[in-house]
């Protein structure tokens, strides 16, 4: 396996897709900041993020507002 093929495979691995399924109107300031930090602005928005412990922790704080699909 060539080094280029290996590096491109590692970029795709470890990504998760987060989609905002409920609006954040009326939610606490902390939850709104977490959603903005995840790159989600309005209901229906989706973002692909690296699968890291910090991102997983952020998702856990707003798990009732988002859905997660592991890529």
Protein backbone atom coordinates (compact mmCIF):
# COMPACT_ATOMS: atom_id res chain seq x y z
CA UNK A 1 0.00 0.00 0.00
CA UNK A 2 1.41 3.37 -0.95
CA UNK A 3 1.74 6.12 1.67
CA UNK A 4 -0.70 8.37 -0.22
CA UNK A 5 -3.45 5.75 -0.17
CA UNK A 6 -2.95 5.20 3.53
CA UNK A 7 -3.10 8.91 4.39
CA UNK A 8 -6.26 9.51 2.35
CA UNK A 9 -7.92 6.56 4.08
CA UNK A 10 -7.03 7.92 7.52
CA UNK A 11 -8.61 11.29 6.65
CA UNK A 12 -11.97 9.69 5.93
CA UNK A 13 -11.86 7.45 8.99
CA UNK A 14 -12.92 8.82 12.34
CA UNK A 15 -15.55 11.28 11.13
CA UNK A 16 -19.08 11.71 12.42
CA UNK A 17 -22.01 13.57 10.91
CA UNK A 18 -24.13 15.61 13.30
CA UNK A 19 -27.57 16.93 12.31
CA UNK A 20 -29.68 19.40 14.27
CA UNK A 21 -33.20 17.95 14.42
CA UNK A 22 -34.78 20.32 16.96
CA UNK A 23 -34.52 24.08 17.16
CA UNK A 24 -32.54 25.72 19.93
CA UNK A 25 -35.02 28.49 20.73
CA UNK A 26 -35.57 28.66 24.47
CA UNK A 27 -32.55 26.50 25.30
CA UNK A 28 -29.91 27.48 27.85
CA UNK A 29 -26.96 29.64 26.85
CA UNK A 30 -24.57 26.72 27.33
CA UNK A 31 -26.53 24.52 24.92
CA UNK A 32 -26.71 27.29 22.31
CA UNK A 33 -22.93 27.82 22.55
CA UNK A 34 -22.31 24.09 22.16
CA UNK A 35 -24.51 23.95 19.05
CA UNK A 36 -22.74 26.94 17.55
CA UNK A 37 -19.40 25.30 18.37
CA UNK A 38 -20.51 22.19 16.50
CA UNK A 39 -21.28 24.40 13.50
CA UNK A 40 -25.06 24.01 13.67
CA UNK A 41 -27.09 27.16 13.14
CA UNK A 42 -30.68 26.21 12.30
CA UNK A 43 -32.88 23.16 12.39
CA UNK A 44 -31.93 20.73 9.63
CA UNK A 45 -28.29 21.83 9.45
CA UNK A 46 -25.68 19.08 9.36
CA UNK A 47 -21.92 19.12 9.83
CA UNK A 48 -19.19 16.50 9.54
CA UNK A 49 -16.73 16.60 12.44
CA UNK A 50 -13.73 14.56 13.58
CA UNK A 51 -14.58 11.76 15.98
CA UNK A 52 -12.73 12.93 19.09
CA UNK A 53 -13.50 12.86 22.81
CA UNK A 54 -14.10 16.62 22.90
CA UNK A 55 -16.63 16.47 20.06
CA UNK A 56 -18.34 13.46 21.66
CA UNK A 57 -18.60 15.40 24.94
CA UNK A 58 -20.16 18.36 23.18
CA UNK A 59 -22.65 16.07 21.46
CA UNK A 60 -23.53 14.49 24.81
CA UNK A 61 -24.56 17.92 26.16
CA UNK A 62 -27.08 18.42 23.35
CA UNK A 63 -27.92 14.79 22.52
CA UNK A 64 -31.66 15.52 22.78
CA UNK A 65 -31.36 18.08 19.96
CA UNK A 66 -29.15 16.27 17.45
CA UNK A 67 -28.75 12.96 15.63
CA UNK A 68 -25.36 11.39 14.98
CA UNK A 69 -24.30 9.19 12.07
CA UNK A 70 -20.85 7.63 12.17
CA UNK A 71 -19.14 7.72 8.79
